[in-house]
Amino acid sequence: MATVEENKKLIADVLATYPEKAAKKRAKHLNVYEEGKSDCGVKSNKGSLPGVMTARGCAYAGSKGVVWGPIKDMVHISHGPVGCGYYSWSGRRNYYIGTTGIDTFGTINFTSDFQEKDIVFGGDKKLAKIVDEIEELFPLNGGISVQSECPVGLIGDDIEGVARKKSKETGKGIIPVRCEGFRGVSQSLGHHIANDMIRDWVFPAAEKEGLEFEATPYDVAIIGDYNIGGDAWSSRILLEEIGLRVVAQWSGDGTFTEMKVTPNVKLNLIHCYRSMNYISRHMEEKYGIPWLEYNFFGPSKIAESLRAIAARFDETIQAKAEEVIKKYQQQCDDILAKYLPRLEGKTVMMMVGGLRPRHVVPAFKDLGMEIIGTGYEFAHGDDYKRTTHYVNDATLIYDDVTAYEFEEFAKALKPDLVAAGVKEKYVFQKMALPFRQMHSWDYSGPYHGYDGFAIFARDMDLALNSPTWGLVGTPWNK
């Protein structure tokens, strides 16, 4: 692995290509972690540099694609031109159980399909008509969310007024989400806006509705797990095995009713801190519900997280947690016996959204692999503070890395594997670099939990040790 000084020189060499002003701005987002420091030393949550290729998405993507979209029994209207709804249509592999088109709607694209006349005259009447049609065609829907696209914010449509009127008429929750893509600097603000709509529109209405709820001392909610490839199911299995009752999943395979009853739980377990910490903090402040960030990637962190969760409950749960950890030990040993000799010592560069660049690190480490570079698309300062607990000295850190920077870093550091998003996938594969797509697990998964770790190990082995790479050489091996 390169030293701190070598990686700092690498950053300087890469920045030298930019014009002076651009280099000065990007320099604040690139650094080398030095052991013992409490921060990674990079600026974050700032606007991307004009003229560069960024992997970021928009506020609409953060709201519809991440927070609201996976709620399976709601109809989510992409309110605006058809393109945004089409592009976000089932791309995240949020698995769910139900009968699509009857009581679940996750893989159906609902759009208001704005035309020029809607821009000129407004789309409020069209939105009201769409709600009526949804109620007629899909009467078992649990509610509707209106996910605003850019034109809706620009022309000033009153989606809140339509939502209030139609909620009274239908007796169902209709949630207007002002997540126009031009808001903020990335999809991160879309997460925040989506959380705020739950706070302002869902919880107050649920309190008036007075839903029946039979509480137990062991009620928990899974927050920020979107069930990509079945992740939330793998997590839920372990939580139930240690004796907890999972009341709600936010939002993979979750329902609107689960969301509404969540203020009754004893503990919120937050997986994706970046996208759901806002509502978790609100529930702590208003309802007195504590929250705990957990990590079910790799056996080391799974055991640590199960013990931390169990410590919030009584000795019965704590004893069961130890039983579950012991139960899966042989399975973990078998996985490591098979894959550790094939993967140990391999180096990895990561770049994903707002959680996985740190949370997946322990799973790689359990397999004997080394992280030599990591960074986020849309992290905030507290994410980089949390990252210090996961990375080693001299790890290259990059925030909102540009396509040019990422390629140059890879050429210099020569990783054995790149783990990033779909926008980067084919660039690095064409460089003959093994690659795993870490947004939706490259059509695999789950990766959470003990069962998920077996799949994770298999997939890393398939990516790295495929005989395909013997037919083509990376640029530095030719």
Foldseek 3Di string as FASTA:
>chain_A
DDAQVVVVVLLVVLLVVDDPVVSVVQVQFWHFDAPPDLFRRHAFQDADDPPFFFPFFFQLCLACLFFPLQQFLEAEEAEDAPVVLVVSQCPQQLDADDDDQARTPNRPRHYLRDDPVCLVVNCLVSVLVSLVVCCVRHVNRQEYEYRYEASCVVSPHDVVVSQVVVCVVSVHHYFYFPRYRVPGRGNLVSLVSNLVSCVVGQQVVLVVVPDDDDDDLQEEEEARDSCQQHQVVQVVVLSVQLPHDHQAYRHRNGHSVSSRCRLVGQEYEYAQCSRHVNNQVVSCVPSVRYYDYAAQFALVRVLVRQCVVQVVDDPSSNVSSVVVSVVCPVVLVVLLVPQLVLQAAAEEAEEEAAHCLQRNLVLSVSSNYAYQEGEHQHYHRVSRSVNSVRHDGRRIYGYSDTPSSVVSVCVVVVGQEYEYAPVCVVVVVVLLHQYFHPSNGNPHDDLGHSVNSSRVSVVVSCRRVPCVSVVDDHPVVD
